[in-house]
Amino acid sequence: MKIVLLGYMASGKSAVGKMLAERLKIQFIDLDNYIEEKENLSIKNIFNFKGEIYFRRKESEYLQELINLDSNYVISLGGGTPCYGNNMEIITSNSKSFYLSASINTIFNRIKTETSQRPLVSTIGIDNLQEYIGKHLFERSAFYNKAAETVSVNDKSLIEIVNELESLL
């Protein structure tokens, strides 16, 4: 069983993925962490020193590598992963995919104090952040909505989200 969690940044993909994998007694893989290990650089430094195009190319390459593994796992993707190359096609044909859907307000409230750690929003500024999130969500929703299932994470605890995902498996 290959379970892929996708959605916008701060939708809870990593936290939910860890708990779900633990509950199912299978491996958890965070794609961003996997990329950092393989590249020996943080995501922020990959963006800063090698650029987004390089990052997106490597992201697709490592996603394909992970999808080809002959094992069961839960993988959490980066927010942009489904939107580049043929990543969404790879995901939908080789796994059970879940879109963790979060509202603009939920995302804003989760990231407003940690923008410096998130390369795509580090230069936006708090005043423009909600508009930026809304625009990005709109652009990415066509990809996110190709997931097999959509689970809203708004106003739900981690346990509630994991329980819902488990019931959909």
N, C-alpha and C. Protein backbone atom coordinates (compact mmCIF):
# COMPACT_ATOMS: atom_id res chain seq x y z
N MET A 1 0.84 -1.18 0.00
CA MET A 1 0.00 0.00 0.00
C MET A 1 0.89 1.25 0.00
N LYS A 2 0.67 2.09 -0.99
CA LYS A 2 1.39 3.36 -1.09
C LYS A 2 0.37 4.47 -0.93
N ILE A 3 0.54 5.25 0.14
CA ILE A 3 -0.38 6.33 0.45
C ILE A 3 0.37 7.64 0.29
N VAL A 4 -0.20 8.55 -0.51
CA VAL A 4 0.44 9.84 -0.76
C VAL A 4 -0.47 10.95 -0.24
N LEU A 5 0.12 11.81 0.59
CA LEU A 5 -0.61 12.97 1.13
C LEU A 5 -0.13 14.21 0.41
N LEU A 6 -1.08 14.97 -0.13
CA LEU A 6 -0.72 16.20 -0.82
C LEU A 6 -1.62 17.33 -0.36
N GLY A 7 -1.18 18.54 -0.65
CA GLY A 7 -1.93 19.73 -0.25
C GLY A 7 -0.98 20.90 -0.09
N TYR A 8 -1.55 22.04 0.20
CA TYR A 8 -0.76 23.26 0.32
C TYR A 8 0.13 23.21 1.57
N MET A 9 1.14 24.07 1.59
CA MET A 9 2.01 24.12 2.76
C MET A 9 1.17 24.36 4.01
N ALA A 10 1.58 23.74 5.10
CA ALA A 10 0.92 23.89 6.41
C ALA A 10 -0.45 23.23 6.49
N SER A 11 -0.75 22.34 5.55
CA SER A 11 -2.03 21.62 5.63
C SER A 11 -1.94 20.42 6.57
N GLY A 12 -0.74 20.12 7.04
CA GLY A 12 -0.57 19.04 8.02
C GLY A 12 -0.08 17.74 7.44
N LYS A 13 0.44 17.76 6.22
CA LYS A 13 0.84 16.53 5.54
C LYS A 13 1.86 15.71 6.34
N SER A 14 2.87 16.36 6.86
CA SER A 14 3.92 15.63 7.60
C SER A 14 3.41 15.09 8.93
N ALA A 15 2.74 15.91 9.69
CA ALA A 15 2.23 15.47 11.01
C ALA A 15 1.21 14.35 10.84
N VAL A 16 0.31 14.51 9.90
CA VAL A 16 -0.71 13.49 9.64
C VAL A 16 -0.05 12.22 9.11
N GLY A 17 0.90 12.39 8.20
CA GLY A 17 1.59 11.25 7.61
C GLY A 17 2.32 10.40 8.64
N LYS A 18 3.02 11.06 9.56
CA LYS A 18 3.74 10.33 10.61
C LYS A 18 2.77 9.51 11.45
N MET A 19 1.68 10.13 11.88
CA MET A 19 0.72 9.44 12.74
C MET A 19 0.01 8.31 11.99
N LEU A 20 -0.35 8.55 10.73
CA LEU A 20 -1.03 7.52 9.95
C LEU A 20 -0.11 6.33 9.71
N ALA A 21 1.14 6.58 9.37
CA ALA A 21 2.10 5.50 9.13
C ALA A 21 2.32 4.68 10.40
N GLU A 22 2.41 5.39 11.52
CA GLU A 22 2.59 4.70 12.81
C GLU A 22 1.39 3.79 13.09
N ARG A 23 0.21 4.32 12.85
CA ARG A 23 -1.01 3.55 13.10
C ARG A 23 -1.10 2.33 12.19
N LEU A 24 -0.67 2.50 10.92
CA LEU A 24 -0.74 1.40 9.95
C LEU A 24 0.49 0.48 10.03
N LYS A 25 1.46 0.88 10.85
CA LYS A 25 2.71 0.12 11.01
C LYS A 25 3.45 -0.02 9.69
N ILE A 26 3.53 1.10 8.96
CA ILE A 26 4.32 1.15 7.73
C ILE A 26 5.25 2.36 7.79
N GLN A 27 6.16 2.44 6.87
CA GLN A 27 7.16 3.51 6.84
C GLN A 27 6.54 4.85 6.49
N PHE A 28 7.09 5.92 7.08
CA PHE A 28 6.71 7.28 6.73
C PHE A 28 7.88 7.94 6.03
N ILE A 29 7.61 8.61 4.91
CA ILE A 29 8.64 9.34 4.17
C ILE A 29 8.14 10.75 3.91
N ASP A 30 8.92 11.74 4.30
CA ASP A 30 8.64 13.14 3.98
C ASP A 30 9.49 13.47 2.76
N LEU A 31 8.86 13.79 1.63
CA LEU A 31 9.61 14.03 0.40
C LEU A 31 10.65 15.14 0.56
N ASP A 32 10.28 16.24 1.23
CA ASP A 32 11.25 17.33 1.43
C ASP A 32 12.47 16.85 2.21
N ASN A 33 12.26 16.07 3.26
CA ASN A 33 13.39 15.54 4.04
C ASN A 33 14.24 14.61 3.19
N TYR A 34 13.59 13.81 2.37
CA TYR A 34 14.28 12.88 1.48
C TYR A 34 15.17 13.65 0.50
N ILE A 35 14.63 14.73 -0.07
CA ILE A 35 15.39 15.58 -1.00
C ILE A 35 16.59 16.20 -0.28
N GLU A 36 16.35 16.71 0.94
CA GLU A 36 17.45 17.33 1.70
C GLU A 36 18.57 16.33 1.96
N GLU A 37 18.21 15.09 2.30
CA GLU A 37 19.23 14.06 2.54
C GLU A 37 19.99 13.74 1.27
N LYS A 38 19.28 13.57 0.17
CA LYS A 38 19.91 13.21 -1.11
C LYS A 38 20.80 14.33 -1.64
N GLU A 39 20.35 15.57 -1.48
CA GLU A 39 21.07 16.72 -2.01
C GLU A 39 22.08 17.29 -1.02
N ASN A 40 22.00 16.84 0.23
CA ASN A 40 22.88 17.34 1.29
C ASN A 40 22.77 18.86 1.45
N LEU A 41 21.56 19.38 1.25
CA LEU A 41 21.25 20.80 1.39
C LEU A 41 19.82 20.93 1.89
N SER A 42 19.54 22.00 2.64
CA SER A 42 18.16 22.26 3.04
C SER A 42 17.37 22.72 1.81
N ILE A 43 16.04 22.57 1.88
CA ILE A 43 15.19 23.04 0.78
C ILE A 43 15.45 24.53 0.53
N LYS A 44 15.54 25.29 1.61
CA LYS A 44 15.79 26.74 1.50
C LYS A 44 17.08 27.00 0.73
N ASN A 45 18.14 26.25 1.04
CA ASN A 45 19.42 26.45 0.35
C ASN A 45 19.40 25.94 -1.09
N ILE A 46 18.64 24.90 -1.35
CA ILE A 46 18.49 24.45 -2.74
C ILE A 46 17.85 25.56 -3.56
N PHE A 47 16.77 26.17 -3.03
CA PHE A 47 16.12 27.30 -3.71
C PHE A 47 17.11 28.46 -3.88
N ASN A 48 17.84 28.80 -2.81
CA ASN A 48 18.74 29.95 -2.84
C ASN A 48 19.94 29.76 -3.77
N PHE A 49 20.53 28.57 -3.76
CA PHE A 49 21.79 28.36 -4.49
C PHE A 49 21.61 27.71 -5.86
N LYS A 50 20.57 26.92 -6.02
CA LYS A 50 20.41 26.19 -7.28
C LYS A 50 19.14 26.58 -8.04
N GLY A 51 18.20 27.24 -7.35
CA GLY A 51 16.99 27.74 -8.00
C GLY A 51 15.83 26.78 -7.98
N GLU A 52 14.64 27.34 -8.24
CA GLU A 52 13.42 26.55 -8.18
C GLU A 52 13.35 25.51 -9.30
N ILE A 53 13.86 25.84 -10.49
CA ILE A 53 13.80 24.88 -11.60
C ILE A 53 14.60 23.63 -11.26
N TYR A 54 15.80 23.81 -10.72
CA TYR A 54 16.62 22.68 -10.30
C TYR A 54 15.86 21.87 -9.24
N PHE A 55 15.30 22.58 -8.25
CA PHE A 55 14.57 21.90 -7.18
C PHE A 55 13.41 21.07 -7.74
N ARG A 56 12.61 21.65 -8.63
CA ARG A 56 11.45 20.94 -9.18
C ARG A 56 11.88 19.71 -9.98
N ARG A 57 13.00 19.82 -10.69
CA ARG A 57 13.50 18.67 -11.45
C ARG A 57 13.91 17.54 -10.51
N LYS A 58 14.62 17.90 -9.45
CA LYS A 58 15.06 16.90 -8.47
C LYS A 58 13.88 16.32 -7.71
N GLU A 59 12.92 17.17 -7.40
CA GLU A 59 11.71 16.73 -6.69
C GLU A 59 11.00 15.63 -7.50
N SER A 60 10.84 15.84 -8.80
CA SER A 60 10.20 14.85 -9.66
C SER A 60 11.02 13.56 -9.72
N GLU A 61 12.32 13.71 -9.83
CA GLU A 61 13.21 12.55 -9.89
C GLU A 61 13.11 11.70 -8.62
N TYR A 62 13.13 12.37 -7.46
CA TYR A 62 13.07 11.63 -6.19
C TYR A 62 11.67 11.07 -5.93
N LEU A 63 10.64 11.76 -6.37
CA LEU A 63 9.28 11.23 -6.25
C LEU A 63 9.18 9.92 -7.03
N GLN A 64 9.68 9.92 -8.26
CA GLN A 64 9.66 8.71 -9.09
C GLN A 64 10.44 7.58 -8.41
N GLU A 65 11.57 7.93 -7.84
CA GLU A 65 12.41 6.95 -7.13
C GLU A 65 11.62 6.31 -5.98
N LEU A 66 10.93 7.14 -5.21
CA LEU A 66 10.16 6.64 -4.07
C LEU A 66 8.94 5.82 -4.51
N ILE A 67 8.26 6.29 -5.54
CA ILE A 67 7.07 5.58 -6.04
C ILE A 67 7.47 4.19 -6.53
N ASN A 68 8.69 4.06 -7.05
CA ASN A 68 9.15 2.78 -7.57
C ASN A 68 9.60 1.80 -6.49
N LEU A 69 9.70 2.25 -5.24
CA LEU A 69 10.09 1.35 -4.16
C LEU A 69 9.07 0.23 -4.02
N ASP A 70 9.57 -0.94 -3.75
CA ASP A 70 8.68 -2.09 -3.57
C ASP A 70 8.39 -2.27 -2.08
N SER A 71 7.70 -1.30 -1.51
CA SER A 71 7.36 -1.39 -0.09
C SER A 71 6.11 -0.56 0.19
N ASN A 72 5.56 -0.75 1.38
CA ASN A 72 4.40 0.02 1.82
C ASN A 72 4.87 1.24 2.58
N TYR A 73 4.23 2.36 2.35
CA TYR A 73 4.61 3.58 3.05
C TYR A 73 3.54 4.65 2.92
N VAL A 74 3.70 5.66 3.77
CA VAL A 74 2.94 6.91 3.66
C VAL A 74 3.98 7.96 3.30
N ILE A 75 3.72 8.73 2.25
CA ILE A 75 4.65 9.78 1.84
C ILE A 75 3.92 11.12 1.86
N SER A 76 4.56 12.12 2.46
CA SER A 76 4.00 13.47 2.41
C SER A 76 4.80 14.26 1.39
N LEU A 77 4.09 14.95 0.52
CA LEU A 77 4.72 15.73 -0.55
C LEU A 77 4.90 17.17 -0.15
N GLY A 78 5.73 17.88 -0.88
CA GLY A 78 5.80 19.32 -0.75
C GLY A 78 4.54 19.90 -1.39
N GLY A 79 4.17 21.10 -1.02
CA GLY A 79 2.94 21.71 -1.53
C GLY A 79 2.89 21.84 -3.04
N GLY A 80 4.03 22.06 -3.68
CA GLY A 80 4.05 22.24 -5.13
C GLY A 80 4.27 20.97 -5.93
N THR A 81 4.65 19.89 -5.25
CA THR A 81 5.01 18.65 -5.96
C THR A 81 3.98 18.20 -7.00
N PRO A 82 2.69 18.18 -6.68
CA PRO A 82 1.72 17.68 -7.67
C PRO A 82 1.59 18.55 -8.92
N CYS A 83 2.10 19.77 -8.86
CA CYS A 83 1.84 20.76 -9.90
C CYS A 83 2.89 20.83 -11.00
N TYR A 84 3.91 20.00 -10.92
CA TYR A 84 5.02 20.10 -11.87
C TYR A 84 5.24 18.77 -12.58
N GLY A 85 5.75 18.89 -13.82
CA GLY A 85 6.02 17.71 -14.62
C GLY A 85 4.78 16.85 -14.73
N ASN A 86 4.99 15.54 -14.70
CA ASN A 86 3.84 14.63 -14.72
C ASN A 86 3.68 13.98 -13.34
N ASN A 87 4.03 14.74 -12.30
CA ASN A 87 3.99 14.20 -10.94
C ASN A 87 2.61 13.70 -10.53
N MET A 88 1.57 14.44 -10.85
CA MET A 88 0.23 14.03 -10.42
C MET A 88 -0.18 12.73 -11.11
N GLU A 89 0.21 12.57 -12.35
CA GLU A 89 -0.08 11.33 -13.08
C GLU A 89 0.64 10.15 -12.42
N ILE A 90 1.89 10.36 -12.05
CA ILE A 90 2.68 9.32 -11.36
C ILE A 90 2.00 8.96 -10.04
N ILE A 91 1.56 9.97 -9.31
CA ILE A 91 0.93 9.76 -8.00
C ILE A 91 -0.38 8.99 -8.14
N THR A 92 -1.27 9.46 -9.03
CA THR A 92 -2.59 8.84 -9.13
C THR A 92 -2.53 7.42 -9.71
N SER A 93 -1.54 7.13 -10.56
CA SER A 93 -1.49 5.78 -11.12
C SER A 93 -0.77 4.78 -10.24
N ASN A 94 -0.06 5.23 -9.22
CA ASN A 94 0.76 4.31 -8.43
C ASN A 94 0.50 4.33 -6.93
N SER A 95 -0.54 5.04 -6.49
CA SER A 95 -0.76 5.13 -5.05
C SER A 95 -2.22 5.49 -4.76
N LYS A 96 -2.55 5.46 -3.49
CA LYS A 96 -3.82 5.99 -3.01
C LYS A 96 -3.50 7.40 -2.53
N SER A 97 -4.08 8.40 -3.16
CA SER A 97 -3.71 9.79 -2.85
C SER A 97 -4.83 10.51 -2.11
N PHE A 98 -4.41 11.35 -1.18
CA PHE A 98 -5.34 12.14 -0.37
C PHE A 98 -4.92 13.61 -0.41
N TYR A 99 -5.86 14.46 -0.73
CA TYR A 99 -5.65 15.91 -0.68
C TYR A 99 -6.11 16.39 0.69
N LEU A 100 -5.18 16.90 1.48
CA LEU A 100 -5.52 17.49 2.78
C LEU A 100 -5.85 18.95 2.50
N SER A 101 -7.12 19.24 2.48
CA SER A 101 -7.61 20.55 2.08
C SER A 101 -7.74 21.48 3.29
N ALA A 102 -7.06 22.63 3.20
CA ALA A 102 -7.11 23.63 4.26
C ALA A 102 -7.55 24.96 3.67
N SER A 103 -8.33 25.71 4.42
CA SER A 103 -8.79 27.02 3.95
C SER A 103 -7.65 28.04 3.99
N ILE A 104 -7.85 29.15 3.33
CA ILE A 104 -6.86 30.24 3.33
C ILE A 104 -6.58 30.67 4.77
N ASN A 105 -7.64 30.84 5.57
CA ASN A 105 -7.45 31.27 6.96
C ASN A 105 -6.68 30.26 7.79
N THR A 106 -6.97 28.98 7.61
CA THR A 106 -6.26 27.93 8.34
C THR A 106 -4.77 27.99 7.99
N ILE A 107 -4.46 28.06 6.71
CA ILE A 107 -3.06 28.10 6.28
C ILE A 107 -2.39 29.37 6.80
N PHE A 108 -3.04 30.50 6.63
CA PHE A 108 -2.48 31.77 7.10
C PHE A 108 -2.15 31.71 8.59
N ASN A 109 -3.09 31.23 9.38
CA ASN A 109 -2.86 31.17 10.82
C ASN A 109 -1.73 30.22 11.20
N ARG A 110 -1.51 29.19 10.40
CA ARG A 110 -0.44 28.24 10.68
C ARG A 110 0.93 28.75 10.27
N ILE A 111 1.01 29.57 9.20
CA ILE A 111 2.34 29.96 8.71
C ILE A 111 2.73 31.41 9.00
N LYS A 112 1.83 32.20 9.53
CA LYS A 112 2.14 33.63 9.69
C LYS A 112 3.36 33.89 10.59
N THR A 113 3.67 32.97 11.49
CA THR A 113 4.82 33.18 12.37
C THR A 113 6.07 32.42 11.93
N GLU A 114 5.97 31.70 10.82
CA GLU A 114 7.12 30.91 10.39
C GLU A 114 7.48 31.12 8.91
N THR A 115 7.18 32.31 8.39
CA THR A 115 7.42 32.56 6.97
C THR A 115 8.91 32.46 6.60
N SER A 116 9.80 32.78 7.51
CA SER A 116 11.23 32.73 7.18
C SER A 116 11.71 31.31 6.88
N GLN A 117 11.02 30.30 7.41
CA GLN A 117 11.42 28.91 7.15
C GLN A 117 10.81 28.34 5.86
N ARG A 118 9.97 29.11 5.21
CA ARG A 118 9.29 28.60 4.02
C ARG A 118 9.71 29.43 2.81
N PRO A 119 10.56 28.84 1.95
CA PRO A 119 11.17 29.59 0.84
C PRO A 119 10.18 30.34 -0.05
N LEU A 120 9.01 29.74 -0.33
CA LEU A 120 8.10 30.39 -1.27
C LEU A 120 7.39 31.61 -0.69
N VAL A 121 7.32 31.72 0.64
CA VAL A 121 6.61 32.87 1.22
C VAL A 121 7.53 33.78 2.04
N SER A 122 8.82 33.48 2.08
CA SER A 122 9.73 34.23 2.95
C SER A 122 9.84 35.70 2.57
N THR A 123 9.56 36.04 1.32
CA THR A 123 9.69 37.44 0.88
C THR A 123 8.34 38.13 0.65
N ILE A 124 7.24 37.44 0.91
CA ILE A 124 5.91 37.98 0.62
C ILE A 124 5.50 39.10 1.57
N GLY A 125 5.79 38.91 2.85
CA GLY A 125 5.35 39.89 3.85
C GLY A 125 3.98 39.54 4.38
N ILE A 126 3.79 39.75 5.65
CA ILE A 126 2.55 39.35 6.34
C ILE A 126 1.31 40.03 5.75
N ASP A 127 1.46 41.27 5.29
CA ASP A 127 0.31 42.01 4.74
C ASP A 127 -0.24 41.41 3.45
N ASN A 128 0.64 40.77 2.69
CA ASN A 128 0.23 40.20 1.40
C ASN A 128 0.04 38.69 1.44
N LEU A 129 0.26 38.09 2.61
CA LEU A 129 0.30 36.64 2.72
C LEU A 129 -1.04 35.96 2.40
N GLN A 130 -2.15 36.47 2.92
CA GLN A 130 -3.45 35.83 2.66
C GLN A 130 -3.80 35.87 1.17
N GLU A 131 -3.55 37.00 0.53
CA GLU A 131 -3.82 37.12 -0.90
C GLU A 131 -2.94 36.13 -1.68
N TYR A 132 -1.68 36.03 -1.30
CA TYR A 132 -0.75 35.12 -1.96
C TYR A 132 -1.22 33.67 -1.81
N ILE A 133 -1.62 33.29 -0.60
CA ILE A 133 -2.11 31.93 -0.34
C ILE A 133 -3.34 31.65 -1.20
N GLY A 134 -4.27 32.60 -1.24
CA GLY A 134 -5.49 32.42 -2.02
C GLY A 134 -5.20 32.22 -3.50
N LYS A 135 -4.31 33.03 -4.04
CA LYS A 135 -3.93 32.94 -5.45
C LYS A 135 -3.28 31.58 -5.73
N HIS A 136 -2.35 31.21 -4.87
CA HIS A 136 -1.64 29.94 -5.02
C HIS A 136 -2.59 28.74 -4.92
N LEU A 137 -3.48 28.78 -3.94
CA LEU A 137 -4.45 27.69 -3.79
C LEU A 137 -5.32 27.56 -5.04
N PHE A 138 -5.74 28.69 -5.57
CA PHE A 138 -6.55 28.68 -6.78
C PHE A 138 -5.79 28.04 -7.93
N GLU A 139 -4.52 28.43 -8.11
CA GLU A 139 -3.70 27.89 -9.19
C GLU A 139 -3.45 26.39 -9.03
N ARG A 140 -3.27 25.95 -7.80
CA ARG A 140 -2.90 24.56 -7.55
C ARG A 140 -4.09 23.62 -7.39
N SER A 141 -5.28 24.17 -7.19
CA SER A 141 -6.44 23.32 -6.88
C SER A 141 -6.75 22.31 -7.98
N ALA A 142 -6.50 22.65 -9.23
CA ALA A 142 -6.76 21.71 -10.32
C ALA A 142 -5.92 20.44 -10.17
N PHE A 143 -4.71 20.60 -9.66
CA PHE A 143 -3.84 19.44 -9.43
C PHE A 143 -4.26 18.70 -8.17
N TYR A 144 -4.43 19.45 -7.09
CA TYR A 144 -4.81 18.84 -5.81
C TYR A 144 -6.10 18.03 -5.92
N ASN A 145 -7.05 18.55 -6.70
CA ASN A 145 -8.35 17.89 -6.81
C ASN A 145 -8.33 16.61 -7.63
N LYS A 146 -7.18 16.27 -8.20
CA LYS A 146 -7.04 14.99 -8.91
C LYS A 146 -6.76 13.84 -7.95
N ALA A 147 -6.53 14.16 -6.68
CA ALA A 147 -6.28 13.11 -5.68
C ALA A 147 -7.51 12.22 -5.59
N ALA A 148 -7.30 10.97 -5.19
CA ALA A 148 -8.40 10.01 -5.07
C ALA A 148 -9.45 10.47 -4.07
N GLU A 149 -9.00 11.08 -2.98
CA GLU A 149 -9.91 11.54 -1.92
C GLU A 149 -9.48 12.93 -1.45
N THR A 150 -10.45 13.71 -0.98
CA THR A 150 -10.18 15.01 -0.37
C THR A 150 -10.68 14.98 1.07
N VAL A 151 -9.81 15.41 1.98
CA VAL A 151 -10.17 15.46 3.39
C VAL A 151 -9.92 16.88 3.89
N SER A 152 -10.96 17.52 4.39
CA SER A 152 -10.81 18.86 4.96
C SER A 152 -10.11 18.74 6.32
N VAL A 153 -9.12 19.62 6.54
CA VAL A 153 -8.40 19.61 7.82
C VAL A 153 -8.81 20.78 8.72
N ASN A 154 -9.69 21.64 8.23
CA ASN A 154 -10.10 22.82 8.99
C ASN A 154 -10.80 22.42 10.30
N ASP A 155 -10.38 23.03 11.37
CA ASP A 155 -11.00 22.83 12.69
C ASP A 155 -11.04 21.36 13.13
N LYS A 156 -10.07 20.57 12.70
CA LYS A 156 -10.00 19.17 13.11
C LYS A 156 -8.66 18.91 13.80
N SER A 157 -8.69 18.02 14.78
CA SER A 157 -7.45 17.63 15.44
C SER A 157 -6.71 16.63 14.55
N LEU A 158 -5.45 16.44 14.86
CA LEU A 158 -4.63 15.47 14.14
C LEU A 158 -5.27 14.08 14.17
N ILE A 159 -5.73 13.69 15.34
CA ILE A 159 -6.34 12.36 15.49
C ILE A 159 -7.61 12.24 14.64
N GLU A 160 -8.42 13.29 14.60
CA GLU A 160 -9.64 13.26 13.78
C GLU A 160 -9.31 13.08 12.30
N ILE A 161 -8.27 13.77 11.85
CA ILE A 161 -7.86 13.68 10.44
C ILE A 161 -7.36 12.27 10.13
N VAL A 162 -6.51 11.73 10.98
CA VAL A 162 -5.97 10.39 10.78
C VAL A 162 -7.09 9.35 10.80
N ASN A 163 -8.02 9.49 11.72
CA ASN A 163 -9.17 8.56 11.77
C ASN A 163 -9.96 8.60 10.47
N GLU A 164 -10.15 9.81 9.95
CA GLU A 164 -10.90 9.96 8.70
C GLU A 164 -10.16 9.30 7.53
N LEU A 165 -8.85 9.54 7.47
CA LEU A 165 -8.05 8.92 6.41
C LEU A 165 -8.10 7.40 6.50
N GLU A 166 -7.96 6.90 7.70
CA GLU A 166 -7.97 5.45 7.91
C GLU A 166 -9.30 4.84 7.46
N SER A 167 -10.39 5.55 7.72
CA SER A 167 -11.70 5.03 7.33
C SER A 167 -11.88 5.02 5.80
N LEU A 168 -11.11 5.84 5.10
CA LEU A 168 -11.20 5.92 3.64
C LEU A 168 -10.30 4.90 2.93
N LEU A 169 -9.44 4.26 3.69
CA LEU A 169 -8.51 3.29 3.07
C LEU A 169 -9.21 1.97 2.75
